[in-house]
C-alpha atoms as a PDB file:
ATOM      1  CA  MET A   1      10.861  23.172   6.593  1.00  0.00           C
ATOM      2  CA  SER A   2       8.022  21.714   4.535  1.00  0.00           C
ATOM      3  CA  THR A   3      10.010  20.064   1.696  1.00  0.00           C
ATOM      4  CA  ILE A   4      10.663  16.325   2.053  1.00  0.00           C
ATOM      5  CA  LYS A   5      12.469  13.848  -0.192  1.00  0.00           C
ATOM      6  CA  VAL A   6      10.470  10.642  -0.613  1.00  0.00           C
ATOM      7  CA  ALA A   7      10.976   7.347  -2.444  1.00  0.00           C
ATOM      8  CA  VAL A   8       8.602   4.790  -3.936  1.00  0.00           C
ATOM      9  CA  THR A   9       9.720   1.312  -4.929  1.00  0.00           C
ATOM     10  CA  ASN A  10       9.482   0.104  -8.509  1.00  0.00           C
ATOM     11  CA  HIS A  11      10.703  -3.403  -7.831  1.00  0.00           C
ATOM     12  CA  GLU A  12       9.902  -7.110  -7.892  1.00  0.00           C
ATOM     13  CA  PRO A  13       9.372  -8.880  -4.556  1.00  0.00           C
ATOM     14  CA  ALA A  14      11.200 -11.995  -3.453  1.00  0.00           C
ATOM     15  CA  TRP A  15       8.304 -14.306  -4.237  1.00  0.00           C
ATOM     16  CA  LEU A  16       7.279 -16.672  -1.426  1.00  0.00           C
ATOM     17  CA  ASP A  17      10.585 -16.179   0.413  1.00  0.00           C
ATOM     18  CA  LEU A  18      10.320 -14.155   3.609  1.00  0.00           C
ATOM     19  CA  PRO A  19      14.052 -14.074   4.540  1.00  0.00           C
ATOM     20  CA  ALA A  20      15.011 -12.944   1.021  1.00  0.00           C
ATOM     21  CA  GLY A  21      12.165 -10.423   1.019  1.00  0.00           C
ATOM     22  CA  VAL A  22      13.277  -8.896   4.317  1.00  0.00           C
ATOM     23  CA  ALA A  23      16.853  -8.664   3.022  1.00  0.00           C
ATOM     24  CA  LYS A  24      15.728  -6.900  -0.171  1.00  0.00           C
ATOM     25  CA  THR A  25      13.528  -4.535   1.847  1.00  0.00           C
ATOM     26  CA  ILE A  26      16.466  -3.546   4.032  1.00  0.00           C
ATOM     27  CA  ASP A  27      18.631  -3.017   0.931  1.00  0.00           C
ATOM     28  CA  LEU A  28      16.014  -0.637  -0.512  1.00  0.00           C
ATOM     29  CA  ILE A  29      15.650   1.206   2.796  1.00  0.00           C
ATOM     30  CA  THR A  30      19.426   1.651   2.794  1.00  0.00           C
ATOM     31  CA  GLU A  31      19.470   2.844  -0.818  1.00  0.00           C
ATOM     32  CA  ALA A  32      16.657   5.348  -0.288  1.00  0.00           C
ATOM     33  CA  SER A  33      18.413   6.767   2.760  1.00  0.00           C
ATOM     34  CA  SER A  34      21.643   7.136   0.795  1.00  0.00           C
ATOM     35  CA  HIS A  35      19.753   9.459  -1.587  1.00  0.00           C
ATOM     36  CA  GLY A  36      18.620  11.617   1.328  1.00  0.00           C
ATOM     37  CA  CYS A  37      15.053  10.267   1.417  1.00  0.00           C
ATOM     38  CA  LYS A  38      13.094  10.507   4.663  1.00  0.00           C
ATOM     39  CA  PHE A  39      10.276   8.180   3.624  1.00  0.00           C
ATOM     40  CA  ILE A  40       9.962   5.075   1.442  1.00  0.00           C
ATOM     41  CA  ALA A  41       6.738   3.387   0.318  1.00  0.00           C
ATOM     42  CA  PHE A  42       6.321  -0.279  -0.682  1.00  0.00           C
ATOM     43  CA  PRO A  43       3.384  -1.833  -2.594  1.00  0.00           C
ATOM     44  CA  GLU A  44       0.621  -4.221  -1.615  1.00  0.00           C
ATOM     45  CA  THR A  45       1.918  -7.537  -0.219  1.00  0.00           C
ATOM     46  CA  TRP A  46       5.515  -6.577  -1.006  1.00  0.00           C
ATOM     47  CA  LEU A  47       6.327  -9.285   1.507  1.00  0.00           C
ATOM     48  CA  ILE A  48       6.001 -12.014   0.173  1.00  0.00           C
ATOM     49  CA  GLY A  49       4.549 -11.049  -3.185  1.00  0.00           C
ATOM     50  CA  TYR A  50       0.933 -10.915  -4.334  1.00  0.00           C
ATOM     51  CA  PRO A  51      -0.641 -14.417  -4.733  1.00  0.00           C
ATOM     52  CA  ALA A  52      -1.195 -14.027  -8.462  1.00  0.00           C
ATOM     53  CA  TRP A  53      -2.329 -17.626  -8.984  1.00  0.00           C
ATOM     54  CA  ILE A  54      -5.734 -16.832  -7.434  1.00  0.00           C
ATOM     55  CA  TRP A  55      -6.853 -15.187 -10.693  1.00  0.00           C
ATOM     56  CA  SER A  56      -5.992 -18.346 -12.655  1.00  0.00           C
ATOM     57  CA  ARG A  57      -7.213 -21.090 -10.309  1.00  0.00           C
ATOM     58  CA  PRO A  58      -9.120 -20.718  -7.036  1.00  0.00           C
ATOM     59  CA  VAL A  59      -7.431 -23.703  -5.357  1.00  0.00           C
ATOM     60  CA  ASP A  60      -3.704 -24.409  -5.201  1.00  0.00           C
ATOM     61  CA  SER A  61      -3.045 -26.086  -1.871  1.00  0.00           C
ATOM     62  CA  ASP A  62       0.729 -26.317  -2.250  1.00  0.00           C
ATOM     63  CA  LEU A  63       1.170 -22.619  -3.007  1.00  0.00           C
ATOM     64  CA  SER A  64      -1.379 -21.646  -0.365  1.00  0.00           C
ATOM     65  CA  VAL A  65       0.547 -23.534   2.336  1.00  0.00           C
ATOM     66  CA  LYS A  66       3.856 -22.035   1.202  1.00  0.00           C
ATOM     67  CA  TYR A  67       2.264 -18.592   1.180  1.00  0.00           C
ATOM     68  CA  VAL A  68       1.021 -18.879   4.752  1.00  0.00           C
ATOM     69  CA  GLN A  69       4.323 -20.318   5.965  1.00  0.00           C
ATOM     70  CA  ASN A  70       6.285 -17.379   4.526  1.00  0.00           C
ATOM     71  CA  SER A  71       3.925 -14.580   5.559  1.00  0.00           C
ATOM     72  CA  LEU A  72       5.088 -12.023   8.134  1.00  0.00           C
ATOM     73  CA  ARG A  73       3.943 -12.188  11.740  1.00  0.00           C
ATOM     74  CA  VAL A  74       3.571  -9.090  13.917  1.00  0.00           C
ATOM     75  CA  PRO A  75       5.468  -9.044  16.195  1.00  0.00           C
ATOM     76  CA  SER A  76       8.348 -11.153  14.900  1.00  0.00           C
ATOM     77  CA  PRO A  77      12.146 -11.102  14.534  1.00  0.00           C
ATOM     78  CA  GLU A  78      11.670 -10.154  10.878  1.00  0.00           C
ATOM     79  CA  MET A  79       9.601  -7.105  11.766  1.00  0.00           C
ATOM     80  CA  ASP A  80      12.171  -6.204  14.413  1.00  0.00           C
ATOM     81  CA  SER A  81      14.879  -6.276  11.714  1.00  0.00           C
ATOM     82  CA  LEU A  82      12.865  -3.928   9.496  1.00  0.00           C
ATOM     83  CA  CYS A  83      12.261  -1.522  12.370  1.00  0.00           C
ATOM     84  CA  ALA A  84      15.971  -1.575  13.215  1.00  0.00           C
ATOM     85  CA  ALA A  85      16.853  -0.771   9.583  1.00  0.00           C
ATOM     86  CA  ALA A  86      14.506   2.224   9.608  1.00  0.00           C
ATOM     87  CA  ALA A  87      16.135   3.517  12.793  1.00  0.00           C
ATOM     88  CA  GLU A  88      19.679   2.876  11.558  1.00  0.00           C
ATOM     89  CA  HIS A  89      19.066   4.819   8.356  1.00  0.00           C
ATOM     90  CA  ASP A  90      16.824   7.535   9.836  1.00  0.00           C
ATOM     91  CA  ILE A  91      13.958   6.913   7.422  1.00  0.00           C
ATOM     92  CA  ALA A  92      10.252   6.173   7.824  1.00  0.00           C
ATOM     93  CA  VAL A  93       8.814   3.151   6.015  1.00  0.00           C
ATOM     94  CA  SER A  94       5.357   2.242   4.724  1.00  0.00           C
ATOM     95  CA  LEU A  95       5.339  -1.525   4.223  1.00  0.00           C
ATOM     96  CA  GLY A  96       2.791  -3.683   2.425  1.00  0.00           C
ATOM     97  CA  PHE A  97       2.820  -7.338   3.456  1.00  0.00           C
ATOM     98  CA  SER A  98       0.879 -10.530   3.930  1.00  0.00           C
ATOM     99  CA  GLU A  99       0.317 -10.769   7.680  1.00  0.00           C
ATOM    100  CA  ARG A 100       0.134 -14.199   9.288  1.00  0.00           C
ATOM    101  CA  CYS A 101      -2.032 -14.726  12.348  1.00  0.00           C
ATOM    102  CA  GLY A 102      -2.219 -18.392  13.312  1.00  0.00           C
ATOM    103  CA  ASP A 103      -2.751 -20.160   9.996  1.00  0.00           C
ATOM    104  CA  SER A 104      -4.719 -17.287   8.437  1.00  0.00           C
ATOM    105  CA  VAL A 105      -3.328 -14.427   6.363  1.00  0.00           C
ATOM    106  CA  PHE A 106      -4.434 -10.842   5.814  1.00  0.00           C
ATOM    107  CA  ILE A 107      -3.432  -8.094   3.392  1.00  0.00           C
ATOM    108  CA  ALA A 108      -1.701  -5.643   5.716  1.00  0.00           C
ATOM    109  CA  GLN A 109       0.178  -2.350   5.872  1.00  0.00           C
ATOM    110  CA  ALA A 110       2.526  -1.032   8.525  1.00  0.00           C
ATOM    111  CA  LEU A 111       4.066   2.365   9.176  1.00  0.00           C
ATOM    112  CA  ILE A 112       7.478   2.467  10.867  1.00  0.00           C
ATOM    113  CA  ASP A 113       8.878   5.850  11.865  1.00  0.00           C
ATOM    114  CA  ALA A 114      12.508   6.952  11.609  1.00  0.00           C
ATOM    115  CA  THR A 115      13.184   5.915  15.212  1.00  0.00           C
ATOM    116  CA  GLY A 116      12.187   2.342  14.350  1.00  0.00           C
ATOM    117  CA  LYS A 117       8.861   2.453  16.178  1.00  0.00           C
ATOM    118  CA  LEU A 118       5.912   0.613  14.629  1.00  0.00           C
ATOM    119  CA  ARG A 119       3.328   3.405  14.557  1.00  0.00           C
ATOM    120  CA  MET A 120       0.513   1.749  12.618  1.00  0.00           C
ATOM    121  CA  ASN A 121      -0.485  -1.752  11.513  1.00  0.00           C
ATOM    122  CA  ARG A 122      -3.714  -2.181   9.578  1.00  0.00           C
ATOM    123  CA  ARG A 123      -5.415  -4.839   7.485  1.00  0.00           C
ATOM    124  CA  LYS A 124      -7.315  -4.416   4.233  1.00  0.00           C
ATOM    125  CA  MET A 125     -10.986  -3.948   5.081  1.00  0.00           C
ATOM    126  CA  LYS A 126     -12.281  -6.461   2.536  1.00  0.00           C
ATOM    127  CA  PRO A 127     -10.140  -8.576   0.185  1.00  0.00           C
ATOM    128  CA  THR A 128     -11.221  -8.070  -3.414  1.00  0.00           C
ATOM    129  CA  HIS A 129     -13.000 -10.814  -5.374  1.00  0.00           C
ATOM    130  CA  MET A 130     -10.605 -13.790  -5.774  1.00  0.00           C
ATOM    131  CA  GLU A 131      -8.409 -12.495  -2.934  1.00  0.00           C
ATOM    132  CA  ARG A 132     -11.064 -13.897  -0.608  1.00  0.00           C
ATOM    133  CA  THR A 133      -9.922 -17.433  -1.509  1.00  0.00           C
ATOM    134  CA  ILE A 134      -6.821 -16.897   0.649  1.00  0.00           C
ATOM    135  CA  PHE A 135      -7.088 -13.656   2.675  1.00  0.00           C
ATOM    136  CA  GLY A 136      -9.406 -12.848   5.577  1.00  0.00           C
ATOM    137  CA  ASP A 137     -11.402  -9.688   6.334  1.00  0.00           C
ATOM    138  CA  ALA A 138     -10.171  -7.050   8.750  1.00  0.00           C
ATOM    139  CA  SER A 139     -12.014  -5.920  11.847  1.00  0.00           C
ATOM    140  CA  GLY A 140     -12.237  -2.365  13.170  1.00  0.00           C
ATOM    141  CA  ASP A 141      -8.434  -2.202  13.015  1.00  0.00           C
ATOM    142  CA  CYS A 142      -8.716  -1.460   9.285  1.00  0.00           C
ATOM    143  CA  LEU A 143      -9.880   2.027  10.310  1.00  0.00           C
ATOM    144  CA  SER A 144      -6.337   2.954  11.224  1.00  0.00           C
ATOM    145  CA  ASP A 145      -5.437   6.393  12.407  1.00  0.00           C
ATOM    146  CA  VAL A 146      -3.516   8.685  10.115  1.00  0.00           C
ATOM    147  CA  VAL A 147      -0.193   9.057  11.937  1.00  0.00           C
ATOM    148  CA  ASP A 148       1.541  12.379  12.581  1.00  0.00           C
ATOM    149  CA  VAL A 149       5.160  11.411  11.908  1.00  0.00           C
ATOM    150  CA  ALA A 150       7.923  13.753  13.046  1.00  0.00           C
ATOM    151  CA  GLY A 151       9.721  15.294  10.085  1.00  0.00           C
ATOM    152  CA  LEU A 152       7.087  14.083   7.607  1.00  0.00           C
ATOM    153  CA  GLY A 153       3.568  15.183   8.483  1.00  0.00           C
ATOM    154  CA  LYS A 154       0.314  13.239   8.667  1.00  0.00           C
ATOM    155  CA  VAL A 155       0.736   9.898   6.886  1.00  0.00           C
ATOM    156  CA  GLY A 156      -1.876   7.270   5.995  1.00  0.00           C
ATOM    157  CA  ALA A 157      -2.254   4.263   3.723  1.00  0.00           C
ATOM    158  CA  LEU A 158      -4.831   2.153   1.910  1.00  0.00           C
ATOM    159  CA  SER A 159      -4.454  -0.923  -0.233  1.00  0.00           C
ATOM    160  CA  CYS A 160      -5.517  -1.472  -3.847  1.00  0.00           C
ATOM    161  CA  TRP A 161      -9.271  -1.228  -4.424  1.00  0.00           C
ATOM    162  CA  GLU A 162      -9.843   0.265  -0.993  1.00  0.00           C
ATOM    163  CA  HIS A 163      -9.439   3.374  -3.160  1.00  0.00           C
ATOM    164  CA  ILE A 164     -12.957   2.812  -4.536  1.00  0.00           C
ATOM    165  CA  GLN A 165     -14.497   2.659  -1.027  1.00  0.00           C
ATOM    166  CA  PRO A 166     -15.955   6.177  -0.526  1.00  0.00           C
ATOM    167  CA  LEU A 167     -16.623   5.883   3.217  1.00  0.00           C
ATOM    168  CA  LEU A 168     -13.222   4.389   3.979  1.00  0.00           C
ATOM    169  CA  LYS A 169     -11.542   7.163   1.996  1.00  0.00           C
ATOM    170  CA  PHE A 170     -13.572   9.821   3.789  1.00  0.00           C
ATOM    171  CA  HIS A 171     -12.457   8.386   7.124  1.00  0.00           C
ATOM    172  CA  GLN A 172      -8.863   8.973   6.005  1.00  0.00           C
ATOM    173  CA  PHE A 173      -9.595  12.484   4.690  1.00  0.00           C
ATOM    174  CA  SER A 174     -11.187  13.473   7.996  1.00  0.00           C
ATOM    175  CA  GLN A 175      -7.845  13.043   9.770  1.00  0.00           C
ATOM    176  CA  GLY A 176      -6.045  15.713   7.741  1.00  0.00           C
ATOM    177  CA  GLU A 177      -3.835  13.330   5.768  1.00  0.00           C
ATOM    178  CA  GLN A 178      -0.907  15.021   3.983  1.00  0.00           C
ATOM    179  CA  ILE A 179       0.978  12.019   2.580  1.00  0.00           C
ATOM    180  CA  HIS A 180      -0.966   8.968   1.453  1.00  0.00           C
ATOM    181  CA  VAL A 181       0.451   5.611   0.355  1.00  0.00           C
ATOM    182  CA  ALA A 182      -1.663   3.870  -2.295  1.00  0.00           C
ATOM    183  CA  ALA A 183      -0.379   0.284  -2.406  1.00  0.00           C
ATOM    184  CA  TRP A 184      -1.042  -1.827  -5.525  1.00  0.00           C
ATOM    185  CA  PRO A 185      -0.105  -5.290  -6.844  1.00  0.00           C
ATOM    186  CA  ALA A 186       1.366  -5.938 -10.306  1.00  0.00           C
ATOM    187  CA  LEU A 187      -0.611  -3.973 -12.921  1.00  0.00           C
ATOM    188  CA  HIS A 188      -0.844  -4.378 -16.687  1.00  0.00           C
ATOM    189  CA  ASP A 189      -2.200  -2.317 -19.575  1.00  0.00           C
ATOM    190  CA  PHE A 190      -5.848  -2.969 -20.359  1.00  0.00           C
ATOM    191  CA  GLU A 191      -6.565  -5.388 -23.196  1.00  0.00           C
ATOM    192  CA  GLU A 192      -9.954  -5.462 -24.892  1.00  0.00           C
ATOM    193  CA  GLY A 193     -11.567  -8.853 -24.321  1.00  0.00           C
ATOM    194  CA  SER A 194      -9.629  -9.523 -21.121  1.00  0.00           C
ATOM    195  CA  PRO A 195     -11.670 -10.849 -18.172  1.00  0.00           C
ATOM    196  CA  GLY A 196     -10.267  -7.961 -16.128  1.00  0.00           C
ATOM    197  CA  PHE A 197     -11.742  -4.459 -16.038  1.00  0.00           C
ATOM    198  CA  TRP A 198     -10.103  -1.225 -17.179  1.00  0.00           C
ATOM    199  CA  SER A 199     -10.325  -0.169 -13.538  1.00  0.00           C
ATOM    200  CA  MET A 200      -7.895  -3.021 -12.718  1.00  0.00           C
ATOM    201  CA  SER A 201      -5.353  -1.824 -15.284  1.00  0.00           C
ATOM    202  CA  THR A 202      -2.278   0.378 -15.040  1.00  0.00           C
ATOM    203  CA  ASP A 203      -4.212   3.444 -16.207  1.00  0.00           C
ATOM    204  CA  GLY A 204      -7.274   2.608 -14.118  1.00  0.00           C
ATOM    205  CA  CYS A 205      -5.387   2.252 -10.848  1.00  0.00           C
ATOM    206  CA  LEU A 206      -3.233   5.289 -11.554  1.00  0.00           C
ATOM    207  CA  GLY A 207      -6.440   7.244 -12.124  1.00  0.00           C
ATOM    208  CA  LEU A 208      -7.768   6.094  -8.746  1.00  0.00           C
ATOM    209  CA  SER A 209      -4.558   7.291  -7.079  1.00  0.00           C
ATOM    210  CA  GLN A 210      -4.854  10.665  -8.812  1.00  0.00           C
ATOM    211  CA  THR A 211      -8.507  10.963  -7.795  1.00  0.00           C
ATOM    212  CA  TYR A 212      -7.557  10.241  -4.188  1.00  0.00           C
ATOM    213  CA  ALA A 213      -4.985  13.045  -4.318  1.00  0.00           C
ATOM    214  CA  VAL A 214      -7.584  15.547  -5.564  1.00  0.00           C
ATOM    215  CA  GLU A 215     -10.251  14.454  -3.077  1.00  0.00           C
ATOM    216  CA  SER A 216      -7.916  14.455  -0.070  1.00  0.00           C
ATOM    217  CA  GLY A 217      -5.661  17.372  -0.979  1.00  0.00           C
ATOM    218  CA  ALA A 218      -2.714  15.115  -0.104  1.00  0.00           C
ATOM    219  CA  PHE A 219       0.383  13.868  -1.869  1.00  0.00           C
ATOM    220  CA  VAL A 220      -0.106  10.271  -3.015  1.00  0.00           C
ATOM    221  CA  LEU A 221       2.758   7.802  -3.265  1.00  0.00           C
ATOM    222  CA  SER A 222       1.325   5.170  -5.588  1.00  0.00           C
ATOM    223  CA  ALA A 223       3.438   2.016  -5.206  1.00  0.00           C
ATOM    224  CA  THR A 224       3.067  -0.793  -7.755  1.00  0.00           C
ATOM    225  CA  THR A 225       4.747  -4.169  -8.152  1.00  0.00           C
ATOM    226  CA  VAL A 226       6.968  -5.678 -10.840  1.00  0.00           C
ATOM    227  CA  ILE A 227       6.325  -9.232 -12.018  1.00  0.00           C
ATOM    228  CA  SER A 228       8.924 -10.860 -14.269  1.00  0.00           C
ATOM    229  CA  GLU A 229       9.254 -14.345 -15.722  1.00  0.00           C
ATOM    230  CA  ASN A 230      10.627 -15.399 -12.318  1.00  0.00           C
ATOM    231  CA  GLY A 231       7.456 -14.271 -10.594  1.00  0.00           C
ATOM    232  CA  ILE A 232       5.242 -15.841 -13.230  1.00  0.00           C
ATOM    233  CA  GLU A 233       7.051 -19.152 -12.794  1.00  0.00           C
ATOM    234  CA  ALA A 234       6.767 -18.951  -8.989  1.00  0.00           C
ATOM    235  CA  MET A 235       3.034 -18.208  -9.235  1.00  0.00           C
ATOM    236  CA  GLY A 236       2.325 -20.674 -12.058  1.00  0.00           C
ATOM    237  CA  THR A 237       0.461 -18.037 -14.083  1.00  0.00           C
ATOM    238  CA  LYS A 238       2.193 -18.178 -17.481  1.00  0.00           C
ATOM    239  CA  GLY A 239      -0.300 -17.304 -20.214  1.00  0.00           C
ATOM    240  CA  SER A 240      -2.979 -16.107 -17.797  1.00  0.00           C
ATOM    241  CA  PRO A 241      -4.726 -12.867 -18.850  1.00  0.00           C
ATOM    242  CA  ILE A 242      -4.171 -11.522 -15.316  1.00  0.00           C
ATOM    243  CA  MET A 243      -0.564 -11.394 -14.044  1.00  0.00           C
ATOM    244  CA  GLY A 244       0.523 -13.948 -16.629  1.00  0.00           C
ATOM    245  CA  THR A 245       3.024 -11.786 -18.521  1.00  0.00           C
ATOM    246  CA  PRO A 246       5.910  -9.565 -17.369  1.00  0.00           C
ATOM    247  CA  ASN A 247       4.971  -5.945 -16.681  1.00  0.00           C
ATOM    248  CA  GLN A 248       6.452  -2.489 -16.406  1.00  0.00           C
ATOM    249  CA  SER A 249       5.917  -1.016 -12.966  1.00  0.00           C
ATOM    250  CA  SER A 250       3.981   2.253 -12.886  1.00  0.00           C
ATOM    251  CA  SER A 251       4.727   3.661  -9.440  1.00  0.00           C
ATOM    252  CA  ALA A 252       4.059   7.389  -9.207  1.00  0.00           C
ATOM    253  CA  ILE A 253       4.349  10.410  -6.937  1.00  0.00           C
ATOM    254  CA  ILE A 254       1.237  12.555  -7.312  1.00  0.00           C
ATOM    255  CA  GLY A 255       0.618  16.118  -6.165  1.00  0.00           C
ATOM    256  CA  PRO A 256      -2.448  17.282  -4.176  1.00  0.00           C
ATOM    257  CA  ASP A 257      -4.028  18.624  -7.372  1.00  0.00           C
ATOM    258  CA  GLY A 258      -3.729  15.223  -9.104  1.00  0.00           C
ATOM    259  CA  ARG A 259      -0.655  15.992 -11.198  1.00  0.00           C
ATOM    260  CA  ILE A 260       1.893  13.221 -11.675  1.00  0.00           C
ATOM    261  CA  LEU A 261       5.136  14.699 -10.375  1.00  0.00           C
ATOM    262  CA  ALA A 262       7.290  11.639 -11.054  1.00  0.00           C
ATOM    263  CA  GLY A 263       6.830   8.175 -12.523  1.00  0.00           C
ATOM    264  CA  GLY A 264       3.515   6.890 -13.779  1.00  0.00           C
ATOM    265  CA  ALA A 265       2.806   5.061 -17.005  1.00  0.00           C
ATOM    266  CA  GLY A 266       3.885   7.732 -19.495  1.00  0.00           C
ATOM    267  CA  LYS A 267       7.136   9.430 -20.388  1.00  0.00           C
ATOM    268  CA  GLY A 268       8.007  10.008 -16.741  1.00  0.00           C
ATOM    269  CA  LYS A 269       8.038   6.314 -15.835  1.00  0.00           C
ATOM    270  CA  VAL A 270      11.074   4.845 -14.121  1.00  0.00           C
ATOM    271  CA  GLU A 271      12.548   1.532 -15.235  1.00  0.00           C
ATOM    272  CA  ASN A 272      11.945  -1.578 -13.165  1.00  0.00           C
ATOM    273  CA  GLU A 273      14.265  -2.116 -10.191  1.00  0.00           C
ATOM    274  CA  GLN A 274      14.909   1.625  -9.788  1.00  0.00           C
ATOM    275  CA  LEU A 275      13.645   3.804  -6.960  1.00  0.00           C
ATOM    276  CA  LEU A 276      11.305   6.649  -7.830  1.00  0.00           C
ATOM    277  CA  ILE A 277      12.430   9.732  -5.882  1.00  0.00           C
ATOM    278  CA  ALA A 278      11.016  13.261  -5.643  1.00  0.00           C
ATOM    279  CA  ASP A 279      10.893  16.281  -3.350  1.00  0.00           C
ATOM    280  CA  ILE A 280       7.443  17.182  -2.055  1.00  0.00           C
ATOM    281  CA  ASP A 281       6.404  20.424  -0.357  1.00  0.00           C
ATOM    282  CA  LEU A 282       3.551  20.101   2.134  1.00  0.00           C
ATOM    283  CA  ILE A 283       2.607  23.740   1.535  1.00  0.00           C
ATOM    284  CA  GLU A 284       1.009  22.403  -1.655  1.00  0.00           C
ATOM    285  CA  CYS A 285      -1.514  20.520   0.506  1.00  0.00           C
ATOM    286  CA  THR A 286      -2.587  23.779   2.130  1.00  0.00           C
ATOM    287  CA  LYS A 287      -2.738  25.491  -1.249  1.00  0.00           C
ATOM    288  CA  ALA A 288      -5.020  22.781  -2.662  1.00  0.00           C
ATOM    289  CA  LYS A 289      -7.315  22.923   0.357  1.00  0.00           C
ATOM    290  CA  THR A 290      -7.809  26.669   0.063  1.00  0.00           C
ATOM    291  CA  PHE A 291      -9.894  25.759  -3.006  1.00  0.00           C
ATOM    292  CA  ALA A 292     -11.619  22.618  -1.705  1.00  0.00           C
ATOM    293  CA  ASP A 293     -11.234  20.988   1.701  1.00  0.00           C
ATOM    294  CA  ALA A 294     -13.628  18.008   1.724  1.00  0.00           C
ATOM    295  CA  CYS A 295     -13.507  17.763   5.525  1.00  0.00           C
ATOM    296  CA  GLY A 296     -13.263  21.488   6.194  1.00  0.00           C
ATOM    297  CA  HIS A 297     -14.825  24.521   4.539  1.00  0.00           C
ATOM    298  CA  TYR A 298     -16.105  22.405   1.606  1.00  0.00           C
ATOM    299  CA  SER A 299     -18.115  20.045   3.848  1.00  0.00           C
ATOM    300  CA  ARG A 300     -21.701  20.096   5.174  1.00  0.00           C
ATOM    301  CA  PRO A 301     -21.758  18.036   8.394  1.00  0.00           C
ATOM    302  CA  ASP A 302     -25.246  19.358   9.108  1.00  0.00           C
ATOM    303  CA  LEU A 303     -26.383  17.358   6.056  1.00  0.00           C
ATOM    304  CA  LEU A 304     -23.894  14.491   5.609  1.00  0.00           C
ATOM    305  CA  TRP A 305     -21.644  12.762   8.150  1.00  0.00           C
ATOM    306  CA  LEU A 306     -19.843   9.461   8.679  1.00  0.00           C
ATOM    307  CA  GLY A 307     -20.246   7.005  11.530  1.00  0.00           C
ATOM    308  CA  CYS A 308     -17.649   4.298  12.165  1.00  0.00           C
ATOM    309  CA  ASP A 309     -16.719   1.629  14.696  1.00  0.00           C
ATOM    310  CA  GLY A 310     -12.964   1.232  14.992  1.00  0.00           C
ATOM    311  CA  ARG A 311     -13.060  -1.471  17.667  1.00  0.00           C
ATOM    312  CA  LYS A 312     -11.340  -4.775  16.929  1.00  0.00           C
ATOM    313  CA  LYS A 313     -13.829  -7.600  17.463  1.00  0.00           C
ATOM    314  CA  GLY A 314     -12.510 -10.847  18.900  1.00  0.00           C
ATOM    315  CA  LEU A 315     -13.811 -14.374  18.377  1.00  0.00           C
ATOM    316  CA  VAL A 316     -14.393 -14.907  22.076  1.00  0.00           C
ATOM    317  CA  LYS A 317     -16.361 -12.305  24.013  1.00  0.00           C
ATOM    318  CA  PRO A 318     -16.625 -13.085  27.731  1.00  0.00           C
ATOM    319  CA  TYR A 319     -19.706 -11.816  29.506  1.00  0.00           C
ATOM    320  CA  LYS A 320     -20.197 -11.296  33.216  1.00  0.00           C
ATOM    321  CA  VAL A 321     -23.031 -13.255  34.748  1.00  0.00           C
ATOM    322  CA  LEU A 322     -25.229 -10.924  36.785  1.00  0.00           C
END
């Protein structure tokens, strides 16, 4: 059976509070399962919320320390709890989170299958612009494998502006992705004169998700974040042109031909704090690829090809003395 019920969150994170964030995540996993969903997607840094202050001030030592202290380690008891919730409710989970390693943090994504097994854990290849004031770069582990998940199909994920990285996207396409999670932070409508670009706006990022769907021939679950007055107060961004006002989430479920099937920024949008749910039929992926398969009949590997190095590079590299 190729039809699957999926959910995308349209919610506000528990800002800077890992225990509360884990509890809310488990509540949403439970709710999605109660609707018959077999997969749920969360946005970028859902745990513990996107560090919005970085676009207002490059240094905030107090918030930076709190952010690191509340970020999720892998492995950890908190991750174990999330995996157990997925298994209990027979649902796969794509989770966006800030990953702590030592006293450094990384923008990360994990894929947990319906048995509770952690199938994939990747880091964002390169933090974008001001994100580099707090987050580190990934190594070869950012080139994560698309995972063939029982009952779902081939599932992959990228974070935010990784969706403007042509080579990284092609690496995903080459693995026959059928369901893609596009994870985003809080987005706002574009305002003329703002220091941000249109490509950072609600419409700009939704357009990137739709483009990914067309290029890959996959369903895209575009997960965005809500920021309310509570989040703005926690981040200290009130009045800032970027993430300084409350927003309307614009999560969307997009078909392989780029159509918005549910959600988005228009008339189909779902109110904040409500799950976006839709049935998807993977036959539509095959149908789209009969017209254009970028890594199949519509490719020219004799002319253009991609090389990559997926090895994780460590800080210490012992050598044998000959």
